[in-house]
Amino acid sequence: MGVSILKDGSRCIIRRASQRDAAEIVRYSNAVGGESDFLSYGLNQFGHNVDEEKQIIREYDQAMNRIFIVAEIDGSICGMLTFWGNSRKRLEHWGEMGISVSKRCWNNGVGTVLLKYFIDWAKDGGIIKKVNLMVREDNHAAVALYKKAGFEIEGRIKRAMKVDGIYYDFLYMGKLIDY
């Protein structure tokens, strides 16, 4: 667990998700899906119920190369980061990361502290050597955050997302984890 003071002076707790968070994670995810068009789902389209989310959290907890973390302010989830490492031995050193932050916390440092916690975990664990993510090309704040954390653009996925009849490209970004 980590505690950070954000730009506005609020206290943010970063910690691993637990099964007792499942209902709050479902509520948060359904809400945050409607706060922008940058996520892969919209308002109330998260697609997991509480029991399914508990099972997902169990699956994260059962592997040394996976982590599910939440950011909390005043006891309420305001951000999440997931990293799913590969289960095959030859591929276990890399995986895919996803992150979301509630709109009420945008530009306040939540994404930065989530990434720092995650990167420290990856370095300390000794398994993860490469982190990949996809981000919509026009999500300039997220692209800047990832670049600041050391991610590099490795490619482009054309027409990766369609919102209201408009296609958007994804940037494929990666970061090598140094020890």
N, C-alpha and C. Protein backbone atom coordinates (compact mmCIF):
# COMPACT_ATOMS: atom_id res chain seq x y z
N MET A 1 0.86 -1.18 0.00
CA MET A 1 0.00 0.00 0.00
C MET A 1 0.90 1.24 0.00
N GLY A 2 0.44 2.25 -0.70
CA GLY A 2 1.17 3.51 -0.74
C GLY A 2 0.21 4.66 -0.53
N VAL A 3 0.72 5.74 0.03
CA VAL A 3 -0.07 6.94 0.24
C VAL A 3 0.65 8.09 -0.45
N SER A 4 -0.09 8.85 -1.23
CA SER A 4 0.47 10.01 -1.93
C SER A 4 -0.41 11.21 -1.70
N ILE A 5 0.21 12.38 -1.69
CA ILE A 5 -0.53 13.62 -1.64
C ILE A 5 -0.63 14.14 -3.08
N LEU A 6 -1.85 14.37 -3.54
CA LEU A 6 -2.09 14.78 -4.92
C LEU A 6 -1.91 16.28 -5.08
N LYS A 7 -2.01 16.75 -6.31
CA LYS A 7 -1.81 18.17 -6.62
C LYS A 7 -2.73 19.09 -5.83
N ASP A 8 -3.96 18.64 -5.56
CA ASP A 8 -4.91 19.48 -4.82
C ASP A 8 -4.79 19.34 -3.31
N GLY A 9 -3.80 18.55 -2.86
CA GLY A 9 -3.57 18.35 -1.44
C GLY A 9 -4.31 17.17 -0.84
N SER A 10 -5.16 16.50 -1.63
CA SER A 10 -5.89 15.35 -1.09
C SER A 10 -4.95 14.15 -0.93
N ARG A 11 -5.34 13.26 -0.03
CA ARG A 11 -4.57 12.06 0.30
C ARG A 11 -5.11 10.90 -0.52
N CYS A 12 -4.25 10.27 -1.30
CA CYS A 12 -4.65 9.16 -2.17
C CYS A 12 -3.95 7.89 -1.72
N ILE A 13 -4.73 6.86 -1.49
CA ILE A 13 -4.21 5.55 -1.11
C ILE A 13 -4.19 4.66 -2.35
N ILE A 14 -3.02 4.08 -2.62
CA ILE A 14 -2.87 3.13 -3.72
C ILE A 14 -2.64 1.76 -3.10
N ARG A 15 -3.47 0.78 -3.50
CA ARG A 15 -3.36 -0.56 -2.91
C ARG A 15 -3.89 -1.60 -3.88
N ARG A 16 -3.57 -2.83 -3.58
CA ARG A 16 -4.08 -3.95 -4.38
C ARG A 16 -5.59 -4.06 -4.15
N ALA A 17 -6.29 -4.38 -5.22
CA ALA A 17 -7.73 -4.63 -5.11
C ALA A 17 -7.96 -5.93 -4.34
N SER A 18 -9.05 -5.98 -3.61
CA SER A 18 -9.43 -7.21 -2.92
C SER A 18 -10.87 -7.55 -3.31
N GLN A 19 -11.27 -8.76 -2.98
CA GLN A 19 -12.62 -9.20 -3.35
C GLN A 19 -13.69 -8.32 -2.69
N ARG A 20 -13.39 -7.75 -1.55
CA ARG A 20 -14.38 -6.87 -0.89
C ARG A 20 -14.60 -5.58 -1.68
N ASP A 21 -13.71 -5.28 -2.65
CA ASP A 21 -13.85 -4.10 -3.51
C ASP A 21 -14.76 -4.36 -4.71
N ALA A 22 -15.15 -5.58 -4.94
CA ALA A 22 -15.82 -5.95 -6.19
C ALA A 22 -17.03 -5.06 -6.51
N ALA A 23 -17.91 -4.83 -5.56
CA ALA A 23 -19.10 -4.02 -5.83
C ALA A 23 -18.72 -2.58 -6.18
N GLU A 24 -17.74 -2.02 -5.46
CA GLU A 24 -17.30 -0.66 -5.73
C GLU A 24 -16.61 -0.58 -7.09
N ILE A 25 -15.85 -1.61 -7.46
CA ILE A 25 -15.18 -1.63 -8.77
C ILE A 25 -16.22 -1.66 -9.90
N VAL A 26 -17.26 -2.46 -9.74
CA VAL A 26 -18.32 -2.51 -10.76
C VAL A 26 -19.02 -1.16 -10.85
N ARG A 27 -19.34 -0.54 -9.71
CA ARG A 27 -19.99 0.77 -9.71
C ARG A 27 -19.08 1.81 -10.37
N TYR A 28 -17.82 1.86 -9.95
CA TYR A 28 -16.86 2.81 -10.50
C TYR A 28 -16.72 2.61 -12.01
N SER A 29 -16.52 1.38 -12.44
CA SER A 29 -16.29 1.10 -13.85
C SER A 29 -17.49 1.48 -14.71
N ASN A 30 -18.68 1.17 -14.25
CA ASN A 30 -19.88 1.55 -15.00
C ASN A 30 -20.00 3.06 -15.11
N ALA A 31 -19.64 3.78 -14.05
CA ALA A 31 -19.71 5.24 -14.08
C ALA A 31 -18.62 5.85 -14.95
N VAL A 32 -17.37 5.41 -14.77
CA VAL A 32 -16.25 6.01 -15.50
C VAL A 32 -16.37 5.76 -17.01
N GLY A 33 -17.06 4.71 -17.39
CA GLY A 33 -17.28 4.44 -18.81
C GLY A 33 -18.07 5.53 -19.51
N GLY A 34 -18.84 6.29 -18.75
CA GLY A 34 -19.62 7.37 -19.33
C GLY A 34 -18.97 8.74 -19.24
N GLU A 35 -17.76 8.80 -18.69
CA GLU A 35 -17.11 10.09 -18.48
C GLU A 35 -16.25 10.55 -19.65
N SER A 36 -15.95 9.64 -20.56
CA SER A 36 -15.21 9.99 -21.78
C SER A 36 -15.44 8.89 -22.79
N ASP A 37 -14.99 9.12 -24.00
CA ASP A 37 -15.08 8.09 -25.04
C ASP A 37 -13.76 7.37 -25.25
N PHE A 38 -12.82 7.52 -24.33
CA PHE A 38 -11.50 6.92 -24.49
C PHE A 38 -11.43 5.46 -24.04
N LEU A 39 -12.37 5.02 -23.18
CA LEU A 39 -12.36 3.63 -22.73
C LEU A 39 -13.04 2.73 -23.75
N SER A 40 -12.84 1.43 -23.60
CA SER A 40 -13.40 0.47 -24.56
C SER A 40 -14.88 0.20 -24.31
N TYR A 41 -15.47 0.84 -23.32
CA TYR A 41 -16.89 0.67 -23.00
C TYR A 41 -17.46 2.01 -22.56
N GLY A 42 -18.77 2.12 -22.64
CA GLY A 42 -19.45 3.36 -22.28
C GLY A 42 -20.15 3.26 -20.94
N LEU A 43 -21.00 4.24 -20.67
CA LEU A 43 -21.76 4.30 -19.43
C LEU A 43 -22.56 3.01 -19.23
N ASN A 44 -22.39 2.39 -18.08
CA ASN A 44 -23.08 1.16 -17.70
C ASN A 44 -22.85 0.00 -18.67
N GLN A 45 -21.71 -0.01 -19.34
CA GLN A 45 -21.37 -1.08 -20.28
C GLN A 45 -20.16 -1.88 -19.84
N PHE A 46 -19.80 -1.81 -18.57
CA PHE A 46 -18.61 -2.49 -18.07
C PHE A 46 -18.68 -3.99 -18.33
N GLY A 47 -19.83 -4.59 -18.08
CA GLY A 47 -20.05 -5.98 -18.48
C GLY A 47 -19.74 -7.04 -17.44
N HIS A 48 -19.36 -6.67 -16.23
CA HIS A 48 -19.15 -7.66 -15.17
C HIS A 48 -20.10 -7.37 -14.02
N ASN A 49 -20.58 -8.44 -13.40
CA ASN A 49 -21.33 -8.26 -12.17
C ASN A 49 -20.39 -8.47 -10.99
N VAL A 50 -20.88 -8.35 -9.77
CA VAL A 50 -20.02 -8.41 -8.59
C VAL A 50 -19.35 -9.77 -8.46
N ASP A 51 -20.10 -10.86 -8.67
CA ASP A 51 -19.50 -12.19 -8.55
C ASP A 51 -18.41 -12.42 -9.61
N GLU A 52 -18.66 -11.97 -10.82
CA GLU A 52 -17.65 -12.10 -11.87
C GLU A 52 -16.41 -11.28 -11.52
N GLU A 53 -16.61 -10.10 -10.96
CA GLU A 53 -15.47 -9.26 -10.59
C GLU A 53 -14.67 -9.89 -9.46
N LYS A 54 -15.33 -10.53 -8.52
CA LYS A 54 -14.61 -11.25 -7.46
C LYS A 54 -13.72 -12.34 -8.06
N GLN A 55 -14.24 -13.07 -9.03
CA GLN A 55 -13.46 -14.13 -9.69
C GLN A 55 -12.26 -13.53 -10.43
N ILE A 56 -12.46 -12.41 -11.09
CA ILE A 56 -11.37 -11.74 -11.81
C ILE A 56 -10.27 -11.32 -10.83
N ILE A 57 -10.66 -10.76 -9.71
CA ILE A 57 -9.68 -10.36 -8.69
C ILE A 57 -8.91 -11.58 -8.18
N ARG A 58 -9.61 -12.70 -7.97
CA ARG A 58 -8.94 -13.95 -7.55
C ARG A 58 -7.89 -14.35 -8.58
N GLU A 59 -8.23 -14.24 -9.87
CA GLU A 59 -7.29 -14.63 -10.92
C GLU A 59 -6.06 -13.73 -10.92
N TYR A 60 -6.23 -12.45 -10.65
CA TYR A 60 -5.07 -11.56 -10.54
C TYR A 60 -4.20 -11.96 -9.36
N ASP A 61 -4.83 -12.32 -8.26
CA ASP A 61 -4.09 -12.65 -7.04
C ASP A 61 -3.33 -13.98 -7.15
N GLN A 62 -3.71 -14.84 -8.07
CA GLN A 62 -3.12 -16.17 -8.17
C GLN A 62 -1.85 -16.23 -9.00
N ALA A 63 -1.44 -15.12 -9.60
CA ALA A 63 -0.25 -15.13 -10.46
C ALA A 63 0.74 -14.06 -9.98
N MET A 64 2.01 -14.39 -10.06
CA MET A 64 3.06 -13.46 -9.63
C MET A 64 3.30 -12.34 -10.65
N ASN A 65 2.79 -12.50 -11.87
CA ASN A 65 3.02 -11.50 -12.92
C ASN A 65 1.75 -10.76 -13.30
N ARG A 66 0.84 -10.63 -12.35
CA ARG A 66 -0.40 -9.89 -12.57
C ARG A 66 -0.68 -9.05 -11.34
N ILE A 67 -1.29 -7.90 -11.58
CA ILE A 67 -1.66 -7.05 -10.45
C ILE A 67 -2.88 -6.21 -10.82
N PHE A 68 -3.71 -5.99 -9.83
CA PHE A 68 -4.91 -5.16 -9.95
C PHE A 68 -4.84 -4.19 -8.78
N ILE A 69 -4.67 -2.90 -9.08
CA ILE A 69 -4.56 -1.91 -8.02
C ILE A 69 -5.63 -0.84 -8.17
N VAL A 70 -5.99 -0.27 -7.03
CA VAL A 70 -6.99 0.79 -7.01
C VAL A 70 -6.40 2.02 -6.32
N ALA A 71 -6.91 3.18 -6.69
CA ALA A 71 -6.60 4.44 -6.03
C ALA A 71 -7.86 4.87 -5.30
N GLU A 72 -7.69 5.27 -4.05
CA GLU A 72 -8.83 5.70 -3.23
C GLU A 72 -8.59 7.10 -2.67
N ILE A 73 -9.63 7.88 -2.68
CA ILE A 73 -9.64 9.16 -1.98
C ILE A 73 -10.87 9.14 -1.09
N ASP A 74 -10.68 9.39 0.19
CA ASP A 74 -11.78 9.39 1.16
C ASP A 74 -12.60 8.10 1.09
N GLY A 75 -11.93 6.97 0.91
CA GLY A 75 -12.59 5.67 0.92
C GLY A 75 -13.33 5.31 -0.35
N SER A 76 -13.23 6.13 -1.39
CA SER A 76 -13.93 5.88 -2.65
C SER A 76 -12.91 5.67 -3.77
N ILE A 77 -13.13 4.65 -4.58
CA ILE A 77 -12.23 4.38 -5.69
C ILE A 77 -12.31 5.51 -6.72
N CYS A 78 -11.16 6.02 -7.10
CA CYS A 78 -11.09 7.10 -8.08
C CYS A 78 -10.18 6.75 -9.25
N GLY A 79 -9.59 5.57 -9.23
CA GLY A 79 -8.73 5.13 -10.32
C GLY A 79 -8.38 3.66 -10.15
N MET A 80 -8.04 3.03 -11.29
CA MET A 80 -7.65 1.62 -11.27
C MET A 80 -6.56 1.38 -12.31
N LEU A 81 -5.72 0.40 -12.02
CA LEU A 81 -4.72 -0.05 -12.98
C LEU A 81 -4.67 -1.56 -12.90
N THR A 82 -4.72 -2.20 -14.07
CA THR A 82 -4.59 -3.65 -14.13
C THR A 82 -3.43 -4.00 -15.05
N PHE A 83 -2.73 -5.05 -14.69
CA PHE A 83 -1.67 -5.59 -15.54
C PHE A 83 -1.84 -7.10 -15.55
N TRP A 84 -1.99 -7.64 -16.75
CA TRP A 84 -2.22 -9.08 -16.92
C TRP A 84 -1.02 -9.67 -17.65
N GLY A 85 -0.14 -10.33 -16.89
CA GLY A 85 1.01 -11.00 -17.48
C GLY A 85 0.61 -12.32 -18.11
N ASN A 86 1.36 -12.73 -19.09
CA ASN A 86 1.08 -13.97 -19.80
C ASN A 86 1.27 -15.19 -18.91
N SER A 87 0.48 -16.23 -19.15
CA SER A 87 0.56 -17.44 -18.34
C SER A 87 1.60 -18.43 -18.88
N ARG A 88 2.00 -18.30 -20.14
CA ARG A 88 3.01 -19.22 -20.70
C ARG A 88 4.40 -18.82 -20.23
N LYS A 89 5.20 -19.81 -19.87
CA LYS A 89 6.52 -19.56 -19.31
C LYS A 89 7.38 -18.68 -20.21
N ARG A 90 7.39 -18.93 -21.50
CA ARG A 90 8.22 -18.16 -22.42
C ARG A 90 7.75 -16.72 -22.58
N LEU A 91 6.52 -16.44 -22.18
CA LEU A 91 5.93 -15.11 -22.35
C LEU A 91 5.60 -14.41 -21.04
N GLU A 92 5.93 -15.04 -19.92
CA GLU A 92 5.49 -14.51 -18.63
C GLU A 92 6.12 -13.17 -18.28
N HIS A 93 7.16 -12.76 -18.97
CA HIS A 93 7.88 -11.52 -18.65
C HIS A 93 7.21 -10.26 -19.20
N TRP A 94 6.13 -10.40 -19.94
CA TRP A 94 5.43 -9.22 -20.46
C TRP A 94 3.92 -9.40 -20.37
N GLY A 95 3.22 -8.28 -20.50
CA GLY A 95 1.77 -8.32 -20.45
C GLY A 95 1.20 -6.97 -20.82
N GLU A 96 -0.13 -6.86 -20.64
CA GLU A 96 -0.87 -5.67 -21.04
C GLU A 96 -1.38 -4.92 -19.81
N MET A 97 -1.23 -3.60 -19.86
CA MET A 97 -1.68 -2.75 -18.78
C MET A 97 -2.88 -1.91 -19.23
N GLY A 98 -3.78 -1.68 -18.32
CA GLY A 98 -4.90 -0.78 -18.55
C GLY A 98 -5.08 0.11 -17.34
N ILE A 99 -5.52 1.33 -17.58
CA ILE A 99 -5.67 2.29 -16.49
C ILE A 99 -6.90 3.16 -16.75
N SER A 100 -7.58 3.54 -15.68
CA SER A 100 -8.68 4.50 -15.78
C SER A 100 -8.65 5.38 -14.54
N VAL A 101 -9.09 6.61 -14.73
CA VAL A 101 -9.18 7.58 -13.63
C VAL A 101 -10.52 8.29 -13.75
N SER A 102 -11.20 8.42 -12.64
CA SER A 102 -12.47 9.14 -12.61
C SER A 102 -12.26 10.59 -13.03
N LYS A 103 -13.21 11.12 -13.78
CA LYS A 103 -13.09 12.49 -14.29
C LYS A 103 -12.88 13.52 -13.19
N ARG A 104 -13.46 13.28 -12.02
CA ARG A 104 -13.30 14.22 -10.91
C ARG A 104 -11.85 14.31 -10.45
N CYS A 105 -11.02 13.36 -10.86
CA CYS A 105 -9.62 13.34 -10.44
C CYS A 105 -8.64 13.57 -11.59
N TRP A 106 -9.16 13.88 -12.77
CA TRP A 106 -8.26 14.14 -13.89
C TRP A 106 -7.33 15.31 -13.55
N ASN A 107 -6.13 15.24 -14.06
CA ASN A 107 -5.12 16.30 -13.90
C ASN A 107 -4.76 16.57 -12.44
N ASN A 108 -4.92 15.57 -11.58
CA ASN A 108 -4.61 15.74 -10.17
C ASN A 108 -3.48 14.82 -9.71
N GLY A 109 -2.96 13.99 -10.61
CA GLY A 109 -1.84 13.12 -10.27
C GLY A 109 -2.19 11.68 -9.96
N VAL A 110 -3.46 11.30 -10.06
CA VAL A 110 -3.86 9.92 -9.75
C VAL A 110 -3.20 8.94 -10.72
N GLY A 111 -3.23 9.23 -12.00
CA GLY A 111 -2.59 8.36 -12.98
C GLY A 111 -1.11 8.20 -12.73
N THR A 112 -0.46 9.28 -12.36
CA THR A 112 0.98 9.25 -12.08
C THR A 112 1.29 8.34 -10.90
N VAL A 113 0.51 8.45 -9.81
CA VAL A 113 0.81 7.62 -8.63
C VAL A 113 0.44 6.16 -8.87
N LEU A 114 -0.61 5.90 -9.66
CA LEU A 114 -0.91 4.52 -10.03
C LEU A 114 0.24 3.91 -10.83
N LEU A 115 0.74 4.65 -11.82
CA LEU A 115 1.85 4.15 -12.63
C LEU A 115 3.11 3.94 -11.79
N LYS A 116 3.42 4.85 -10.90
CA LYS A 116 4.61 4.70 -10.06
C LYS A 116 4.51 3.44 -9.21
N TYR A 117 3.37 3.23 -8.57
CA TYR A 117 3.17 2.04 -7.74
C TYR A 117 3.37 0.78 -8.59
N PHE A 118 2.75 0.78 -9.77
CA PHE A 118 2.85 -0.38 -10.65
C PHE A 118 4.28 -0.64 -11.11
N ILE A 119 4.97 0.40 -11.56
CA ILE A 119 6.34 0.22 -12.06
C ILE A 119 7.26 -0.24 -10.92
N ASP A 120 7.08 0.30 -9.72
CA ASP A 120 7.86 -0.18 -8.57
C ASP A 120 7.58 -1.65 -8.31
N TRP A 121 6.31 -2.05 -8.37
CA TRP A 121 5.94 -3.45 -8.18
C TRP A 121 6.61 -4.32 -9.24
N ALA A 122 6.58 -3.89 -10.49
CA ALA A 122 7.18 -4.68 -11.58
C ALA A 122 8.68 -4.82 -11.37
N LYS A 123 9.34 -3.74 -11.01
CA LYS A 123 10.80 -3.80 -10.78
C LYS A 123 11.12 -4.70 -9.59
N ASP A 124 10.37 -4.57 -8.51
CA ASP A 124 10.63 -5.35 -7.30
C ASP A 124 10.36 -6.84 -7.51
N GLY A 125 9.38 -7.17 -8.36
CA GLY A 125 9.00 -8.56 -8.56
C GLY A 125 10.01 -9.37 -9.35
N GLY A 126 10.76 -8.71 -10.22
CA GLY A 126 11.80 -9.40 -10.97
C GLY A 126 11.33 -10.26 -12.13
N ILE A 127 10.05 -10.32 -12.37
CA ILE A 127 9.52 -11.15 -13.47
C ILE A 127 9.27 -10.29 -14.71
N ILE A 128 8.62 -9.15 -14.52
CA ILE A 128 8.17 -8.33 -15.63
C ILE A 128 9.35 -7.55 -16.22
N LYS A 129 9.53 -7.72 -17.53
CA LYS A 129 10.59 -7.02 -18.26
C LYS A 129 10.02 -6.05 -19.29
N LYS A 130 8.72 -6.20 -19.60
CA LYS A 130 8.11 -5.39 -20.66
C LYS A 130 6.64 -5.18 -20.34
N VAL A 131 6.19 -3.93 -20.48
CA VAL A 131 4.79 -3.57 -20.26
C VAL A 131 4.26 -2.98 -21.56
N ASN A 132 3.13 -3.45 -22.01
CA ASN A 132 2.48 -2.94 -23.21
C ASN A 132 1.13 -2.33 -22.84
N LEU A 133 0.70 -1.37 -23.66
CA LEU A 133 -0.62 -0.79 -23.50
C LEU A 133 -1.08 -0.23 -24.84
N MET A 134 -2.37 -0.03 -24.94
CA MET A 134 -2.95 0.63 -26.10
C MET A 134 -3.70 1.86 -25.60
N VAL A 135 -3.58 2.95 -26.35
CA VAL A 135 -4.23 4.20 -25.97
C VAL A 135 -4.75 4.86 -27.25
N ARG A 136 -5.94 5.44 -27.15
CA ARG A 136 -6.47 6.13 -28.31
C ARG A 136 -5.57 7.30 -28.67
N GLU A 137 -5.26 7.44 -29.95
CA GLU A 137 -4.27 8.43 -30.40
C GLU A 137 -4.62 9.85 -30.00
N ASP A 138 -5.90 10.17 -29.86
CA ASP A 138 -6.28 11.54 -29.52
C ASP A 138 -6.45 11.76 -28.01
N ASN A 139 -6.08 10.77 -27.20
CA ASN A 139 -6.10 10.93 -25.75
C ASN A 139 -4.75 11.51 -25.34
N HIS A 140 -4.59 12.79 -25.62
CA HIS A 140 -3.29 13.45 -25.46
C HIS A 140 -2.79 13.44 -24.02
N ALA A 141 -3.68 13.58 -23.06
CA ALA A 141 -3.25 13.58 -21.65
C ALA A 141 -2.68 12.22 -21.27
N ALA A 142 -3.34 11.15 -21.70
CA ALA A 142 -2.84 9.81 -21.39
C ALA A 142 -1.52 9.52 -22.10
N VAL A 143 -1.42 9.90 -23.36
CA VAL A 143 -0.17 9.68 -24.10
C VAL A 143 0.97 10.42 -23.41
N ALA A 144 0.72 11.65 -22.97
CA ALA A 144 1.75 12.42 -22.27
C ALA A 144 2.14 11.75 -20.95
N LEU A 145 1.16 11.25 -20.21
CA LEU A 145 1.43 10.55 -18.96
C LEU A 145 2.32 9.33 -19.20
N TYR A 146 1.98 8.55 -20.22
CA TYR A 146 2.76 7.34 -20.50
C TYR A 146 4.17 7.68 -20.94
N LYS A 147 4.31 8.70 -21.77
CA LYS A 147 5.65 9.12 -22.21
C LYS A 147 6.47 9.59 -21.02
N LYS A 148 5.85 10.34 -20.11
CA LYS A 148 6.54 10.82 -18.91
C LYS A 148 7.04 9.64 -18.07
N ALA A 149 6.29 8.54 -18.08
CA ALA A 149 6.66 7.34 -17.31
C ALA A 149 7.64 6.45 -18.06
N GLY A 150 8.04 6.85 -19.28
CA GLY A 150 9.05 6.09 -20.01
C GLY A 150 8.52 5.16 -21.09
N PHE A 151 7.23 5.23 -21.38
CA PHE A 151 6.68 4.41 -22.46
C PHE A 151 7.03 5.05 -23.81
N GLU A 152 7.20 4.20 -24.80
CA GLU A 152 7.49 4.66 -26.16
C GLU A 152 6.42 4.14 -27.11
N ILE A 153 6.13 4.90 -28.14
CA ILE A 153 5.19 4.46 -29.17
C ILE A 153 5.88 3.40 -30.01
N GLU A 154 5.26 2.23 -30.13
CA GLU A 154 5.84 1.13 -30.88
C GLU A 154 5.06 0.82 -32.15
N GLY A 155 3.87 1.39 -32.26
CA GLY A 155 3.08 1.12 -33.45
C GLY A 155 1.71 1.77 -33.37
N ARG A 156 0.94 1.57 -34.40
CA ARG A 156 -0.40 2.13 -34.52
C ARG A 156 -1.34 1.01 -34.96
N ILE A 157 -2.50 0.97 -34.34
CA ILE A 157 -3.55 0.04 -34.73
C ILE A 157 -4.66 0.87 -35.34
N LYS A 158 -4.82 0.76 -36.64
CA LYS A 158 -5.79 1.60 -37.35
C LYS A 158 -7.21 1.11 -37.11
N ARG A 159 -8.10 2.09 -36.99
CA ARG A 159 -9.53 1.83 -36.79
C ARG A 159 -9.79 0.86 -35.63
N ALA A 160 -9.09 1.06 -34.54
CA ALA A 160 -9.20 0.17 -33.40
C ALA A 160 -10.50 0.37 -32.61
N MET A 161 -11.05 1.57 -32.67
CA MET A 161 -12.26 1.87 -31.90
C MET A 161 -13.22 2.67 -32.77
N LYS A 162 -14.51 2.39 -32.57
CA LYS A 162 -15.54 3.14 -33.29
C LYS A 162 -16.52 3.69 -32.27
N VAL A 163 -16.65 5.01 -32.26
CA VAL A 163 -17.58 5.70 -31.35
C VAL A 163 -18.46 6.61 -32.19
N ASP A 164 -19.77 6.40 -32.09
CA ASP A 164 -20.73 7.22 -32.82
C ASP A 164 -20.40 7.29 -34.32
N GLY A 165 -20.01 6.15 -34.88
CA GLY A 165 -19.74 6.06 -36.30
C GLY A 165 -18.37 6.58 -36.74
N ILE A 166 -17.56 7.05 -35.81
CA ILE A 166 -16.23 7.57 -36.14
C ILE A 166 -15.18 6.59 -35.65
N TYR A 167 -14.23 6.28 -36.53
CA TYR A 167 -13.14 5.37 -36.17
C TYR A 167 -11.96 6.14 -35.60
N TYR A 168 -11.27 5.50 -34.64
CA TYR A 168 -10.09 6.08 -34.01
C TYR A 168 -8.98 5.04 -34.02
N ASP A 169 -7.75 5.52 -34.21
CA ASP A 169 -6.59 4.65 -34.13
C ASP A 169 -6.12 4.55 -32.69
N PHE A 170 -5.51 3.42 -32.37
CA PHE A 170 -4.81 3.25 -31.10
C PHE A 170 -3.32 3.37 -31.34
N LEU A 171 -2.63 3.93 -30.38
CA LEU A 171 -1.17 3.85 -30.35
C LEU A 171 -0.82 2.67 -29.47
N TYR A 172 0.10 1.84 -29.94
CA TYR A 172 0.59 0.73 -29.15
C TYR A 172 1.87 1.22 -28.51
N MET A 173 1.90 1.23 -27.18
CA MET A 173 3.05 1.76 -26.45
C MET A 173 3.65 0.67 -25.57
N GLY A 174 4.95 0.78 -25.34
CA GLY A 174 5.62 -0.20 -24.50
C GLY A 174 6.70 0.44 -23.66
N LYS A 175 7.01 -0.24 -22.57
CA LYS A 175 8.07 0.20 -21.66
C LYS A 175 8.87 -1.01 -21.23
N LEU A 176 10.18 -0.91 -21.38
CA LEU A 176 11.06 -1.93 -20.84
C LEU A 176 11.29 -1.64 -19.37
N ILE A 177 11.23 -2.66 -18.54
CA ILE A 177 11.44 -2.50 -17.11
C ILE A 177 12.91 -2.78 -16.80
N ASP A 178 13.59 -1.78 -16.29
CA ASP A 178 14.99 -1.92 -15.90
C ASP A 178 15.06 -2.27 -14.43
N TYR A 179 16.07 -3.06 -14.09
CA TYR A 179 16.24 -3.48 -12.70
C TYR A 179 17.46 -2.86 -12.10
